Amino acid sequence: MSVSARKIKLRHVIYILLSLLLIIIIAQNFENVELRFLSFSFQLPLVVIIITVFLTGCFTSKVFSFKSNSKSSKKDK
């Protein structure tokens, strides 16, 4: 087995473990919580808030990594 094949396999194992951890956290957090922002207040299941924050973080990291990659490619030219 080559080194690159072993890295890919390790990456998949890590993704699977993190996915299982996320599923366990989601399964244990279905109760409603009150969310207050400025003068707004509403109730949502905690799992919805967790998923929303997670996806917002993923999107934000992609946007900033794209900007940093485009800046470094412009400097190389």
N, C-alpha and C. Protein backbone atom coordinates (compact mmCIF):
# COMPACT_ATOMS: atom_id res chain seq x y z
N MET A 1 0.84 -1.18 0.00
CA MET A 1 0.00 0.00 0.00
C MET A 1 0.89 1.24 0.00
N SER A 2 0.58 2.15 -0.90
CA SER A 2 1.40 3.35 -1.00
C SER A 2 1.05 4.33 0.12
N VAL A 3 1.91 5.32 0.28
CA VAL A 3 1.72 6.31 1.33
C VAL A 3 0.45 7.12 1.09
N SER A 4 0.20 7.52 -0.17
CA SER A 4 -0.99 8.32 -0.47
C SER A 4 -2.27 7.53 -0.23
N ALA A 5 -2.26 6.23 -0.52
CA ALA A 5 -3.44 5.40 -0.26
C ALA A 5 -3.68 5.29 1.24
N ARG A 6 -2.63 5.20 2.03
CA ARG A 6 -2.78 5.11 3.47
C ARG A 6 -3.31 6.42 4.04
N LYS A 7 -2.89 7.57 3.50
CA LYS A 7 -3.38 8.87 3.97
C LYS A 7 -4.87 9.01 3.67
N ILE A 8 -5.28 8.59 2.50
CA ILE A 8 -6.69 8.67 2.14
C ILE A 8 -7.51 7.78 3.07
N LYS A 9 -7.02 6.61 3.37
CA LYS A 9 -7.74 5.70 4.25
C LYS A 9 -7.85 6.29 5.66
N LEU A 10 -6.79 6.89 6.17
CA LEU A 10 -6.82 7.52 7.48
C LEU A 10 -7.80 8.69 7.49
N ARG A 11 -7.82 9.46 6.43
CA ARG A 11 -8.74 10.59 6.32
C ARG A 11 -10.19 10.10 6.37
N HIS A 12 -10.49 9.00 5.68
CA HIS A 12 -11.84 8.46 5.70
C HIS A 12 -12.23 7.97 7.09
N VAL A 13 -11.30 7.37 7.79
CA VAL A 13 -11.57 6.92 9.15
C VAL A 13 -11.88 8.11 10.05
N ILE A 14 -11.11 9.16 9.91
CA ILE A 14 -11.34 10.37 10.71
C ILE A 14 -12.71 10.97 10.39
N TYR A 15 -13.07 11.05 9.10
CA TYR A 15 -14.38 11.57 8.72
C TYR A 15 -15.50 10.72 9.29
N ILE A 16 -15.34 9.41 9.26
CA ILE A 16 -16.37 8.52 9.80
C ILE A 16 -16.51 8.72 11.31
N LEU A 17 -15.40 8.82 12.02
CA LEU A 17 -15.46 9.03 13.47
C LEU A 17 -16.09 10.37 13.82
N LEU A 18 -15.74 11.42 13.10
CA LEU A 18 -16.34 12.73 13.34
C LEU A 18 -17.83 12.73 13.01
N SER A 19 -18.21 12.02 11.97
CA SER A 19 -19.63 11.92 11.61
C SER A 19 -20.41 11.18 12.69
N LEU A 20 -19.83 10.11 13.21
CA LEU A 20 -20.50 9.38 14.30
C LEU A 20 -20.64 10.25 15.54
N LEU A 21 -19.61 11.01 15.85
CA LEU A 21 -19.67 11.92 16.99
C LEU A 21 -20.77 12.96 16.78
N LEU A 22 -20.88 13.50 15.59
CA LEU A 22 -21.91 14.48 15.28
C LEU A 22 -23.30 13.86 15.39
N ILE A 23 -23.47 12.63 14.94
CA ILE A 23 -24.76 11.94 15.04
C ILE A 23 -25.14 11.72 16.49
N ILE A 24 -24.19 11.35 17.33
CA ILE A 24 -24.46 11.15 18.76
C ILE A 24 -24.87 12.47 19.41
N ILE A 25 -24.17 13.54 19.10
CA ILE A 25 -24.51 14.86 19.66
C ILE A 25 -25.90 15.28 19.21
N ILE A 26 -26.21 15.08 17.95
CA ILE A 26 -27.52 15.44 17.43
C ILE A 26 -28.63 14.63 18.11
N ALA A 27 -28.40 13.34 18.26
CA ALA A 27 -29.42 12.47 18.85
C ALA A 27 -29.73 12.84 20.29
N GLN A 28 -28.79 13.42 20.99
CA GLN A 28 -29.00 13.76 22.39
C GLN A 28 -29.48 15.19 22.61
N ASN A 29 -29.69 15.94 21.54
CA ASN A 29 -30.04 17.36 21.70
C ASN A 29 -31.28 17.74 20.88
N PHE A 30 -32.38 17.06 21.15
CA PHE A 30 -33.62 17.37 20.43
C PHE A 30 -34.55 18.30 21.20
N GLU A 31 -34.23 18.66 22.43
CA GLU A 31 -35.13 19.52 23.20
C GLU A 31 -35.13 20.94 22.64
N ASN A 32 -36.24 21.61 22.85
CA ASN A 32 -36.37 23.00 22.39
C ASN A 32 -35.63 23.94 23.32
N VAL A 33 -35.01 24.94 22.73
CA VAL A 33 -34.36 25.99 23.51
C VAL A 33 -34.85 27.33 22.97
N GLU A 34 -34.83 28.31 23.85
CA GLU A 34 -35.23 29.65 23.44
C GLU A 34 -34.01 30.40 22.94
N LEU A 35 -34.14 30.95 21.76
CA LEU A 35 -33.05 31.71 21.15
C LEU A 35 -33.48 33.17 21.12
N ARG A 36 -32.68 34.04 21.72
CA ARG A 36 -32.98 35.46 21.74
C ARG A 36 -31.87 36.21 21.02
N PHE A 37 -32.29 37.09 20.11
CA PHE A 37 -31.35 37.93 19.37
C PHE A 37 -31.97 39.31 19.26
N LEU A 38 -31.31 40.29 19.85
CA LEU A 38 -31.82 41.66 19.94
C LEU A 38 -33.21 41.63 20.56
N SER A 39 -34.23 42.01 19.83
CA SER A 39 -35.58 41.99 20.40
C SER A 39 -36.39 40.78 19.95
N PHE A 40 -35.78 39.89 19.18
CA PHE A 40 -36.47 38.71 18.68
C PHE A 40 -36.25 37.55 19.64
N SER A 41 -37.27 36.71 19.74
CA SER A 41 -37.17 35.53 20.58
C SER A 41 -38.00 34.42 19.96
N PHE A 42 -37.42 33.24 19.81
CA PHE A 42 -38.16 32.11 19.28
C PHE A 42 -37.54 30.82 19.80
N GLN A 43 -38.33 29.74 19.70
CA GLN A 43 -37.86 28.44 20.18
C GLN A 43 -37.57 27.53 19.00
N LEU A 44 -36.45 26.85 19.10
CA LEU A 44 -36.03 25.89 18.08
C LEU A 44 -35.44 24.68 18.78
N PRO A 45 -35.48 23.52 18.12
CA PRO A 45 -34.74 22.39 18.67
C PRO A 45 -33.24 22.71 18.66
N LEU A 46 -32.55 22.31 19.69
CA LEU A 46 -31.12 22.59 19.81
C LEU A 46 -30.35 22.01 18.63
N VAL A 47 -30.81 20.88 18.11
CA VAL A 47 -30.12 20.25 16.98
C VAL A 47 -30.12 21.16 15.75
N VAL A 48 -31.19 21.92 15.54
CA VAL A 48 -31.25 22.84 14.40
C VAL A 48 -30.21 23.94 14.56
N ILE A 49 -30.06 24.44 15.77
CA ILE A 49 -29.07 25.48 16.03
C ILE A 49 -27.66 24.93 15.83
N ILE A 50 -27.41 23.72 16.33
CA ILE A 50 -26.09 23.11 16.18
C ILE A 50 -25.73 22.93 14.71
N ILE A 51 -26.66 22.41 13.93
CA ILE A 51 -26.40 22.17 12.50
C ILE A 51 -26.20 23.50 11.76
N THR A 52 -27.01 24.50 12.10
CA THR A 52 -26.88 25.81 11.45
C THR A 52 -25.52 26.43 11.73
N VAL A 53 -25.09 26.38 12.98
CA VAL A 53 -23.79 26.95 13.33
C VAL A 53 -22.67 26.16 12.65
N PHE A 54 -22.79 24.84 12.61
CA PHE A 54 -21.77 24.00 11.95
C PHE A 54 -21.66 24.34 10.47
N LEU A 55 -22.79 24.43 9.78
CA LEU A 55 -22.77 24.73 8.35
C LEU A 55 -22.28 26.15 8.07
N THR A 56 -22.62 27.08 8.95
CA THR A 56 -22.12 28.45 8.81
C THR A 56 -20.59 28.48 8.95
N GLY A 57 -20.07 27.71 9.90
CA GLY A 57 -18.62 27.63 10.06
C GLY A 57 -17.93 27.01 8.85
N CYS A 58 -18.54 25.96 8.29
CA CYS A 58 -17.96 25.34 7.08
C CYS A 58 -17.95 26.33 5.92
N PHE A 59 -19.06 27.03 5.74
CA PHE A 59 -19.14 28.01 4.66
C PHE A 59 -18.12 29.13 4.85
N THR A 60 -18.01 29.63 6.07
CA THR A 60 -17.06 30.70 6.36
C THR A 60 -15.63 30.27 6.10
N SER A 61 -15.28 29.05 6.51
CA SER A 61 -13.91 28.58 6.28
C SER A 61 -13.62 28.42 4.79
N LYS A 62 -14.61 27.98 4.02
CA LYS A 62 -14.41 27.85 2.57
C LYS A 62 -14.21 29.22 1.93
N VAL A 63 -14.99 30.20 2.36
CA VAL A 63 -14.87 31.54 1.79
C VAL A 63 -13.50 32.13 2.09
N PHE A 64 -13.05 32.03 3.34
CA PHE A 64 -11.75 32.61 3.69
C PHE A 64 -10.59 31.83 3.09
N SER A 65 -10.71 30.53 2.96
CA SER A 65 -9.63 29.76 2.34
C SER A 65 -9.57 30.07 0.84
N PHE A 66 -10.71 30.32 0.22
CA PHE A 66 -10.73 30.70 -1.19
C PHE A 66 -10.07 32.05 -1.38
N LYS A 67 -10.36 33.01 -0.49
CA LYS A 67 -9.76 34.33 -0.61
C LYS A 67 -8.26 34.28 -0.39
N SER A 68 -7.81 33.48 0.58
CA SER A 68 -6.37 33.40 0.83
C SER A 68 -5.65 32.68 -0.31
N ASN A 69 -6.30 31.68 -0.91
CA ASN A 69 -5.71 30.99 -2.04
C ASN A 69 -5.63 31.89 -3.25
N SER A 70 -6.62 32.72 -3.47
CA SER A 70 -6.59 33.62 -4.64
C SER A 70 -5.54 34.71 -4.45
N LYS A 71 -5.33 35.17 -3.20
CA LYS A 71 -4.31 36.19 -2.96
C LYS A 71 -2.91 35.61 -3.18
N SER A 72 -2.68 34.38 -2.73
CA SER A 72 -1.36 33.79 -2.89
C SER A 72 -1.08 33.47 -4.35
N SER A 73 -2.11 33.11 -5.13
CA SER A 73 -1.88 32.83 -6.55
C SER A 73 -1.60 34.12 -7.31
N LYS A 74 -2.17 35.25 -6.87
CA LYS A 74 -1.87 36.53 -7.53
C LYS A 74 -0.45 36.97 -7.24
N LYS A 75 0.05 36.68 -6.02
CA LYS A 75 1.42 37.05 -5.67
C LYS A 75 2.43 36.23 -6.46
N ASP A 76 2.08 35.00 -6.81
CA ASP A 76 3.00 34.13 -7.53
C ASP A 76 3.18 34.58 -8.97
N LYS A 77 2.22 35.31 -9.52
CA LYS A 77 2.30 35.72 -10.93
C LYS A 77 3.15 36.91 -11.14
